[in-house]
Amino acid sequence: MSNPALEPDERERLVKELMDARRAVGAARRAADAAAEAIAHDAVHRAKVALGERGSAWWCDGAPDLNRHLARTGPYAQWYAGLPEGEG
């Protein structure tokens, strides 16, 4: 989700940037141009960070960010261990 605090004009500009970058990824893949594809992927990443879809969290609800934790090793380890085989 994009940061809702972005001004509408800024959000629109960034979404356009993101879509242009995604089109550039496709064009580079069709052309089999690995260097252009890497540049385009970087542009996608920068646009997503600017929109708040990647990078630091734009919200602050006090809850810990568990996105980078595995269920089996984080605070949900006990729950995960109790799942039937093949469901985890």
PDB file of N, CA and C in Angstrom:
ATOM      1  N   MET A   1       0.841  -1.170   0.000  1.00  0.00           N
ATOM      2  CA  MET A   1       0.000   0.000   0.000  1.00  0.00           C
ATOM      3  C   MET A   1       0.891   1.240   0.000  1.00  0.00           C
ATOM      4  N   SER A   2       0.476   2.211  -0.768  1.00  0.00           N
ATOM      5  CA  SER A   2       1.203   3.479  -0.808  1.00  0.00           C
ATOM      6  C   SER A   2       0.931   4.284   0.452  1.00  0.00           C
ATOM      7  N   ASN A   3       1.846   5.157   0.753  1.00  0.00           N
ATOM      8  CA  ASN A   3       1.717   6.033   1.907  1.00  0.00           C
ATOM      9  C   ASN A   3       0.540   6.993   1.670  1.00  0.00           C
ATOM     10  N   PRO A   4      -0.507   6.930   2.494  1.00  0.00           N
ATOM     11  CA  PRO A   4      -1.662   7.806   2.294  1.00  0.00           C
ATOM     12  C   PRO A   4      -1.364   9.277   2.573  1.00  0.00           C
ATOM     13  N   ALA A   5      -0.214   9.577   3.169  1.00  0.00           N
ATOM     14  CA  ALA A   5       0.136  10.969   3.453  1.00  0.00           C
ATOM     15  C   ALA A   5       0.716  11.684   2.224  1.00  0.00           C
ATOM     16  N   LEU A   6       0.981  10.938   1.152  1.00  0.00           N
ATOM     17  CA  LEU A   6       1.496  11.580  -0.059  1.00  0.00           C
ATOM     18  C   LEU A   6       0.436  12.510  -0.644  1.00  0.00           C
ATOM     19  N   GLU A   7       0.884  13.648  -1.127  1.00  0.00           N
ATOM     20  CA  GLU A   7      -0.031  14.558  -1.823  1.00  0.00           C
ATOM     21  C   GLU A   7      -0.507  13.868  -3.102  1.00  0.00           C
ATOM     22  N   PRO A   8      -1.764  14.066  -3.488  1.00  0.00           N
ATOM     23  CA  PRO A   8      -2.293  13.389  -4.683  1.00  0.00           C
ATOM     24  C   PRO A   8      -1.441  13.604  -5.937  1.00  0.00           C
ATOM     25  N   ASP A   9      -0.956  14.813  -6.163  1.00  0.00           N
ATOM     26  CA  ASP A   9      -0.133  15.076  -7.344  1.00  0.00           C
ATOM     27  C   ASP A   9       1.186  14.310  -7.290  1.00  0.00           C
ATOM     28  N   GLU A  10       1.779  14.254  -6.100  1.00  0.00           N
ATOM     29  CA  GLU A  10       3.035  13.523  -5.922  1.00  0.00           C
ATOM     30  C   GLU A  10       2.811  12.028  -6.132  1.00  0.00           C
ATOM     31  N   ARG A  11       1.732  11.509  -5.553  1.00  0.00           N
ATOM     32  CA  ARG A  11       1.417  10.089  -5.720  1.00  0.00           C
ATOM     33  C   ARG A  11       1.205   9.773  -7.195  1.00  0.00           C
ATOM     34  N   GLU A  12       0.461  10.598  -7.895  1.00  0.00           N
ATOM     35  CA  GLU A  12       0.202  10.380  -9.315  1.00  0.00           C
ATOM     36  C   GLU A  12       1.500  10.381 -10.121  1.00  0.00           C
ATOM     37  N   ARG A  13       2.404  11.309  -9.814  1.00  0.00           N
ATOM     38  CA  ARG A  13       3.685  11.380 -10.498  1.00  0.00           C
ATOM     39  C   ARG A  13       4.504  10.116 -10.253  1.00  0.00           C
ATOM     40  N   LEU A  14       4.513   9.661  -8.991  1.00  0.00           N
ATOM     41  CA  LEU A  14       5.287   8.470  -8.642  1.00  0.00           C
ATOM     42  C   LEU A  14       4.701   7.205  -9.270  1.00  0.00           C
ATOM     43  N   VAL A  15       3.386   7.114  -9.328  1.00  0.00           N
ATOM     44  CA  VAL A  15       2.751   5.962  -9.973  1.00  0.00           C
ATOM     45  C   VAL A  15       3.099   5.949 -11.460  1.00  0.00           C
ATOM     46  N   LYS A  16       3.101   7.117 -12.089  1.00  0.00           N
ATOM     47  CA  LYS A  16       3.494   7.197 -13.504  1.00  0.00           C
ATOM     48  C   LYS A  16       4.944   6.738 -13.672  1.00  0.00           C
ATOM     49  N   GLU A  17       5.814   7.181 -12.769  1.00  0.00           N
ATOM     50  CA  GLU A  17       7.212   6.741 -12.794  1.00  0.00           C
ATOM     51  C   GLU A  17       7.311   5.219 -12.680  1.00  0.00           C
ATOM     52  N   LEU A  18       6.538   4.664 -11.749  1.00  0.00           N
ATOM     53  CA  LEU A  18       6.544   3.221 -11.528  1.00  0.00           C
ATOM     54  C   LEU A  18       6.084   2.485 -12.787  1.00  0.00           C
ATOM     55  N   MET A  19       5.008   2.940 -13.380  1.00  0.00           N
ATOM     56  CA  MET A  19       4.494   2.269 -14.575  1.00  0.00           C
ATOM     57  C   MET A  19       5.467   2.393 -15.749  1.00  0.00           C
ATOM     58  N   ASP A  20       6.086   3.557 -15.903  1.00  0.00           N
ATOM     59  CA  ASP A  20       7.103   3.729 -16.949  1.00  0.00           C
ATOM     60  C   ASP A  20       8.263   2.756 -16.728  1.00  0.00           C
ATOM     61  N   ALA A  21       8.680   2.618 -15.474  1.00  0.00           N
ATOM     62  CA  ALA A  21       9.787   1.720 -15.158  1.00  0.00           C
ATOM     63  C   ALA A  21       9.403   0.269 -15.423  1.00  0.00           C
ATOM     64  N   ARG A  22       8.172  -0.101 -15.101  1.00  0.00           N
ATOM     65  CA  ARG A  22       7.720  -1.467 -15.367  1.00  0.00           C
ATOM     66  C   ARG A  22       7.676  -1.743 -16.870  1.00  0.00           C
ATOM     67  N   ARG A  23       7.234  -0.758 -17.639  1.00  0.00           N
ATOM     68  CA  ARG A  23       7.241  -0.929 -19.096  1.00  0.00           C
ATOM     69  C   ARG A  23       8.681  -1.081 -19.602  1.00  0.00           C
ATOM     70  N   ALA A  24       9.605  -0.339 -18.993  1.00  0.00           N
ATOM     71  CA  ALA A  24      11.011  -0.435 -19.382  1.00  0.00           C
ATOM     72  C   ALA A  24      11.572  -1.821 -19.079  1.00  0.00           C
ATOM     73  N   VAL A  25      11.133  -2.424 -17.975  1.00  0.00           N
ATOM     74  CA  VAL A  25      11.559  -3.792 -17.655  1.00  0.00           C
ATOM     75  C   VAL A  25      11.106  -4.730 -18.772  1.00  0.00           C
ATOM     76  N   GLY A  26       9.844  -4.614 -19.150  1.00  0.00           N
ATOM     77  CA  GLY A  26       9.318  -5.472 -20.207  1.00  0.00           C
ATOM     78  C   GLY A  26      10.049  -5.284 -21.526  1.00  0.00           C
ATOM     79  N   ALA A  27      10.289  -4.037 -21.888  1.00  0.00           N
ATOM     80  CA  ALA A  27      10.986  -3.749 -23.143  1.00  0.00           C
ATOM     81  C   ALA A  27      12.402  -4.320 -23.115  1.00  0.00           C
ATOM     82  N   ALA A  28      13.076  -4.179 -21.989  1.00  0.00           N
ATOM     83  CA  ALA A  28      14.439  -4.696 -21.872  1.00  0.00           C
ATOM     84  C   ALA A  28      14.450  -6.216 -21.967  1.00  0.00           C
ATOM     85  N   ARG A  29      13.454  -6.857 -21.356  1.00  0.00           N
ATOM     86  CA  ARG A  29      13.381  -8.326 -21.436  1.00  0.00           C
ATOM     87  C   ARG A  29      13.138  -8.771 -22.878  1.00  0.00           C
ATOM     88  N   ARG A  30      12.223  -8.084 -23.562  1.00  0.00           N
ATOM     89  CA  ARG A  30      11.951  -8.454 -24.952  1.00  0.00           C
ATOM     90  C   ARG A  30      13.180  -8.261 -25.829  1.00  0.00           C
ATOM     91  N   ALA A  31      13.986  -7.262 -25.488  1.00  0.00           N
ATOM     92  CA  ALA A  31      15.203  -6.994 -26.255  1.00  0.00           C
ATOM     93  C   ALA A  31      16.389  -7.830 -25.770  1.00  0.00           C
ATOM     94  N   ALA A  32      16.175  -8.608 -24.710  1.00  0.00           N
ATOM     95  CA  ALA A  32      17.246  -9.418 -24.104  1.00  0.00           C
ATOM     96  C   ALA A  32      18.443  -8.547 -23.727  1.00  0.00           C
ATOM     97  N   ASP A  33      18.138  -7.359 -23.187  1.00  0.00           N
ATOM     98  CA  ASP A  33      19.172  -6.398 -22.792  1.00  0.00           C
ATOM     99  C   ASP A  33      19.285  -6.411 -21.268  1.00  0.00           C
ATOM    100  N   ALA A  34      20.197  -7.216 -20.754  1.00  0.00           N
ATOM    101  CA  ALA A  34      20.334  -7.401 -19.303  1.00  0.00           C
ATOM    102  C   ALA A  34      20.699  -6.107 -18.587  1.00  0.00           C
ATOM    103  N   ALA A  35      21.543  -5.285 -19.193  1.00  0.00           N
ATOM    104  CA  ALA A  35      21.947  -4.032 -18.550  1.00  0.00           C
ATOM    105  C   ALA A  35      20.750  -3.082 -18.432  1.00  0.00           C
ATOM    106  N   ALA A  36      19.977  -2.960 -19.499  1.00  0.00           N
ATOM    107  CA  ALA A  36      18.794  -2.092 -19.466  1.00  0.00           C
ATOM    108  C   ALA A  36      17.761  -2.632 -18.484  1.00  0.00           C
ATOM    109  N   GLU A  37      17.651  -3.945 -18.388  1.00  0.00           N
ATOM    110  CA  GLU A  37      16.702  -4.541 -17.450  1.00  0.00           C
ATOM    111  C   GLU A  37      17.100  -4.239 -16.007  1.00  0.00           C
ATOM    112  N   ALA A  38      18.382  -4.324 -15.714  1.00  0.00           N
ATOM    113  CA  ALA A  38      18.851  -4.016 -14.355  1.00  0.00           C
ATOM    114  C   ALA A  38      18.563  -2.560 -14.004  1.00  0.00           C
ATOM    115  N   ILE A  39      18.784  -1.653 -14.945  1.00  0.00           N
ATOM    116  CA  ILE A  39      18.503  -0.230 -14.720  1.00  0.00           C
ATOM    117  C   ILE A  39      17.012  -0.026 -14.494  1.00  0.00           C
ATOM    118  N   ALA A  40      16.195  -0.714 -15.289  1.00  0.00           N
ATOM    119  CA  ALA A  40      14.739  -0.580 -15.158  1.00  0.00           C
ATOM    120  C   ALA A  40      14.249  -1.136 -13.822  1.00  0.00           C
ATOM    121  N   HIS A  41      14.820  -2.273 -13.400  1.00  0.00           N
ATOM    122  CA  HIS A  41      14.435  -2.835 -12.093  1.00  0.00           C
ATOM    123  C   HIS A  41      14.799  -1.864 -10.967  1.00  0.00           C
ATOM    124  N   ASP A  42      15.928  -1.213 -11.091  1.00  0.00           N
ATOM    125  CA  ASP A  42      16.325  -0.228 -10.091  1.00  0.00           C
ATOM    126  C   ASP A  42      15.332   0.936 -10.064  1.00  0.00           C
ATOM    127  N   ALA A  43      14.866   1.356 -11.231  1.00  0.00           N
ATOM    128  CA  ALA A  43      13.888   2.444 -11.304  1.00  0.00           C
ATOM    129  C   ALA A  43      12.564   2.014 -10.665  1.00  0.00           C
ATOM    130  N   VAL A  44      12.160   0.763 -10.867  1.00  0.00           N
ATOM    131  CA  VAL A  44      10.950   0.245 -10.220  1.00  0.00           C
ATOM    132  C   VAL A  44      11.127   0.302  -8.707  1.00  0.00           C
ATOM    133  N   HIS A  45      12.272  -0.159  -8.235  1.00  0.00           N
ATOM    134  CA  HIS A  45      12.534  -0.171  -6.789  1.00  0.00           C
ATOM    135  C   HIS A  45      12.486   1.249  -6.213  1.00  0.00           C
ATOM    136  N   ARG A  46      13.142   2.196  -6.869  1.00  0.00           N
ATOM    137  CA  ARG A  46      13.152   3.584  -6.379  1.00  0.00           C
ATOM    138  C   ARG A  46      11.742   4.158  -6.319  1.00  0.00           C
ATOM    139  N   ALA A  47      10.932   3.880  -7.331  1.00  0.00           N
ATOM    140  CA  ALA A  47       9.552   4.388  -7.339  1.00  0.00           C
ATOM    141  C   ALA A  47       8.742   3.766  -6.204  1.00  0.00           C
ATOM    142  N   LYS A  48       8.918   2.459  -5.975  1.00  0.00           N
ATOM    143  CA  LYS A  48       8.193   1.798  -4.897  1.00  0.00           C
ATOM    144  C   LYS A  48       8.604   2.326  -3.522  1.00  0.00           C
ATOM    145  N   VAL A  49       9.885   2.593  -3.353  1.00  0.00           N
ATOM    146  CA  VAL A  49      10.352   3.179  -2.092  1.00  0.00           C
ATOM    147  C   VAL A  49       9.728   4.562  -1.907  1.00  0.00           C
ATOM    148  N   ALA A  50       9.730   5.368  -2.957  1.00  0.00           N
ATOM    149  CA  ALA A  50       9.170   6.720  -2.875  1.00  0.00           C
ATOM    150  C   ALA A  50       7.674   6.682  -2.565  1.00  0.00           C
ATOM    151  N   LEU A  51       6.975   5.669  -3.074  1.00  0.00           N
ATOM    152  CA  LEU A  51       5.544   5.523  -2.800  1.00  0.00           C
ATOM    153  C   LEU A  51       5.280   4.971  -1.399  1.00  0.00           C
ATOM    154  N   GLY A  52       6.308   4.440  -0.758  1.00  0.00           N
ATOM    155  CA  GLY A  52       6.130   3.860   0.568  1.00  0.00           C
ATOM    156  C   GLY A  52       5.776   2.387   0.526  1.00  0.00           C
ATOM    157  N   GLU A  53       5.885   1.767  -0.650  1.00  0.00           N
ATOM    158  CA  GLU A  53       5.559   0.344  -0.781  1.00  0.00           C
ATOM    159  C   GLU A  53       6.729  -0.546  -0.384  1.00  0.00           C
ATOM    160  N   ARG A  54       7.918   0.019  -0.359  1.00  0.00           N
ATOM    161  CA  ARG A  54       9.129  -0.681   0.083  1.00  0.00           C
ATOM    162  C   ARG A  54       9.908   0.275   0.969  1.00  0.00           C
ATOM    163  N   GLY A  55      10.861  -0.269   1.679  1.00  0.00           N
ATOM    164  CA  GLY A  55      11.692   0.572   2.532  1.00  0.00           C
ATOM    165  C   GLY A  55      11.101   0.711   3.923  1.00  0.00           C
ATOM    166  N   SER A  56      11.451   1.779   4.556  1.00  0.00           N
ATOM    167  CA  SER A  56      10.992   2.014   5.930  1.00  0.00           C
ATOM    168  C   SER A  56       9.477   2.153   5.982  1.00  0.00           C
ATOM    169  N   ALA A  57       8.917   1.673   7.068  1.00  0.00           N
ATOM    170  CA  ALA A  57       7.466   1.774   7.254  1.00  0.00           C
ATOM    171  C   ALA A  57       7.057   3.230   7.424  1.00  0.00           C
ATOM    172  N   TRP A  58       5.947   3.615   6.792  1.00  0.00           N
ATOM    173  CA  TRP A  58       5.447   4.982   6.917  1.00  0.00           C
ATOM    174  C   TRP A  58       4.411   5.078   8.029  1.00  0.00           C
ATOM    175  N   TRP A  59       4.012   3.959   8.574  1.00  0.00           N
ATOM    176  CA  TRP A  59       3.055   3.954   9.659  1.00  0.00           C
ATOM    177  C   TRP A  59       3.784   3.703  10.965  1.00  0.00           C
ATOM    178  N   CYS A  60       3.157   4.074  12.043  1.00  0.00           N
ATOM    179  CA  CYS A  60       3.757   3.861  13.350  1.00  0.00           C
ATOM    180  C   CYS A  60       2.650   3.475  14.324  1.00  0.00           C
ATOM    181  N   ASP A  61       2.391   2.175  14.427  1.00  0.00           N
ATOM    182  CA  ASP A  61       1.343   1.708  15.339  1.00  0.00           C
ATOM    183  C   ASP A  61       1.917   1.073  16.595  1.00  0.00           C
ATOM    184  N   GLY A  62       3.250   1.102  16.704  1.00  0.00           N
ATOM    185  CA  GLY A  62       3.896   0.553  17.885  1.00  0.00           C
ATOM    186  C   GLY A  62       4.160  -0.938  17.819  1.00  0.00           C
ATOM    187  N   ALA A  63       3.566  -1.632  16.843  1.00  0.00           N
ATOM    188  CA  ALA A  63       3.776  -3.072  16.715  1.00  0.00           C
ATOM    189  C   ALA A  63       5.134  -3.339  16.063  1.00  0.00           C
ATOM    190  N   PRO A  64       5.792  -4.411  16.468  1.00  0.00           N
ATOM    191  CA  PRO A  64       7.070  -4.736  15.833  1.00  0.00           C
ATOM    192  C   PRO A  64       6.857  -5.167  14.389  1.00  0.00           C
ATOM    193  N   ASP A  65       7.812  -4.891  13.529  1.00  0.00           N
ATOM    194  CA  ASP A  65       7.760  -5.297  12.135  1.00  0.00           C
ATOM    195  C   ASP A  65       8.302  -6.718  12.035  1.00  0.00           C
ATOM    196  N   LEU A  66       7.420  -7.663  11.747  1.00  0.00           N
ATOM    197  CA  LEU A  66       7.810  -9.072  11.698  1.00  0.00           C
ATOM    198  C   LEU A  66       7.940  -9.588  10.275  1.00  0.00           C
ATOM    199  N   ASN A  67       7.939  -8.708   9.293  1.00  0.00           N
ATOM    200  CA  ASN A  67       8.012  -9.127   7.896  1.00  0.00           C
ATOM    201  C   ASN A  67       9.252  -9.949   7.578  1.00  0.00           C
ATOM    202  N   ARG A  68      10.340  -9.705   8.251  1.00  0.00           N
ATOM    203  CA  ARG A  68      11.592 -10.393   7.932  1.00  0.00           C
ATOM    204  C   ARG A  68      11.853 -11.578   8.859  1.00  0.00           C
ATOM    205  N   HIS A  69      10.822 -12.060   9.532  1.00  0.00           N
ATOM    206  CA  HIS A  69      10.967 -13.199  10.437  1.00  0.00           C
ATOM    207  C   HIS A  69      10.210 -14.401   9.885  1.00  0.00           C
ATOM    208  N   LEU A  70      10.795 -15.564   9.997  1.00  0.00           N
ATOM    209  CA  LEU A  70      10.101 -16.798   9.643  1.00  0.00           C
ATOM    210  C   LEU A  70       9.137 -17.161  10.762  1.00  0.00           C
ATOM    211  N   ALA A  71       7.988 -17.711  10.412  1.00  0.00           N
ATOM    212  CA  ALA A  71       7.011 -18.118  11.426  1.00  0.00           C
ATOM    213  C   ALA A  71       7.608 -19.136  12.383  1.00  0.00           C
ATOM    214  N   ARG A  72       8.477 -19.994  11.867  1.00  0.00           N
ATOM    215  CA  ARG A  72       9.022 -21.060  12.717  1.00  0.00           C
ATOM    216  C   ARG A  72      10.102 -20.581  13.675  1.00  0.00           C
ATOM    217  N   THR A  73      10.625 -19.364  13.471  1.00  0.00           N
ATOM    218  CA  THR A  73      11.699 -18.883  14.340  1.00  0.00           C
ATOM    219  C   THR A  73      11.340 -17.621  15.117  1.00  0.00           C
ATOM    220  N   GLY A  74      10.249 -17.005  14.803  1.00  0.00           N
ATOM    221  CA  GLY A  74       9.869 -15.750  15.461  1.00  0.00           C
ATOM    222  C   GLY A  74       8.877 -15.976  16.585  1.00  0.00           C
ATOM    223  N   PRO A  75       8.101 -14.962  16.900  1.00  0.00           N
ATOM    224  CA  PRO A  75       7.143 -15.050  17.997  1.00  0.00           C
ATOM    225  C   PRO A  75       6.030 -16.073  17.751  1.00  0.00           C
ATOM    226  N   TYR A  76       5.880 -16.528  16.512  1.00  0.00           N
ATOM    227  CA  TYR A  76       4.835 -17.497  16.184  1.00  0.00           C
ATOM    228  C   TYR A  76       5.377 -18.928  16.125  1.00  0.00           C
ATOM    229  N   ALA A  77       6.572 -19.150  16.636  1.00  0.00           N
ATOM    230  CA  ALA A  77       7.220 -20.461  16.542  1.00  0.00           C
ATOM    231  C   ALA A  77       6.374 -21.568  17.171  1.00  0.00           C
ATOM    232  N   GLN A  78       5.783 -21.316  18.312  1.00  0.00           N
ATOM    233  CA  GLN A  78       4.991 -22.348  18.983  1.00  0.00           C
ATOM    234  C   GLN A  78       3.759 -22.696  18.151  1.00  0.00           C
ATOM    235  N   TRP A  79       3.090 -21.686  17.631  1.00  0.00           N
ATOM    236  CA  TRP A  79       1.932 -21.915  16.768  1.00  0.00           C
ATOM    237  C   TRP A  79       2.355 -22.715  15.532  1.00  0.00           C
ATOM    238  N   TYR A  80       3.458 -22.304  14.918  1.00  0.00           N
ATOM    239  CA  TYR A  80       3.943 -22.956  13.703  1.00  0.00           C
ATOM    240  C   TYR A  80       4.265 -24.434  13.973  1.00  0.00           C
ATOM    241  N   ALA A  81       4.899 -24.693  15.094  1.00  0.00           N
ATOM    242  CA  ALA A  81       5.272 -26.072  15.425  1.00  0.00           C
ATOM    243  C   ALA A  81       4.050 -26.956  15.614  1.00  0.00           C
ATOM    244  N   GLY A  82       2.911 -26.383  15.961  1.00  0.00           N
ATOM    245  CA  GLY A  82       1.696 -27.153  16.167  1.00  0.00           C
ATOM    246  C   GLY A  82       0.877 -27.403  14.909  1.00  0.00           C
ATOM    247  N   LEU A  83       1.305 -26.858  13.775  1.00  0.00           N
ATOM    248  CA  LEU A  83       0.580 -27.085  12.519  1.00  0.00           C
ATOM    249  C   LEU A  83       0.753 -28.521  12.056  1.00  0.00           C
ATOM    250  N   PRO A  84      -0.295 -29.104  11.464  1.00  0.00           N
ATOM    251  CA  PRO A  84      -0.142 -30.448  10.901  1.00  0.00           C
ATOM    252  C   PRO A  84       0.926 -30.466   9.805  1.00  0.00           C
ATOM    253  N   GLU A  85       1.573 -31.581   9.626  1.00  0.00           N
ATOM    254  CA  GLU A  85       2.627 -31.737   8.612  1.00  0.00           C
ATOM    255  C   GLU A  85       2.107 -31.286   7.242  1.00  0.00           C
ATOM    256  N   GLY A  86       2.908 -30.499   6.551  1.00  0.00           N
ATOM    257  CA  GLY A  86       2.562 -30.067   5.204  1.00  0.00           C
ATOM    258  C   GLY A  86       1.775 -28.773   5.151  1.00  0.00           C
ATOM    259  N   GLU A  87       1.383 -28.213   6.278  1.00  0.00           N
ATOM    260  CA  GLU A  87       0.635 -26.959   6.271  1.00  0.00           C
ATOM    261  C   GLU A  87       1.508 -25.759   6.585  1.00  0.00           C
ATOM    262  N   GLY A  88       2.761 -25.974   6.909  1.00  0.00           N
ATOM    263  CA  GLY A  88       3.607 -24.850   7.291  1.00  0.00           C
ATOM    264  C   GLY A  88       4.604 -24.454   6.308  1.00  0.00           C
TER     265      GLY A  88
END
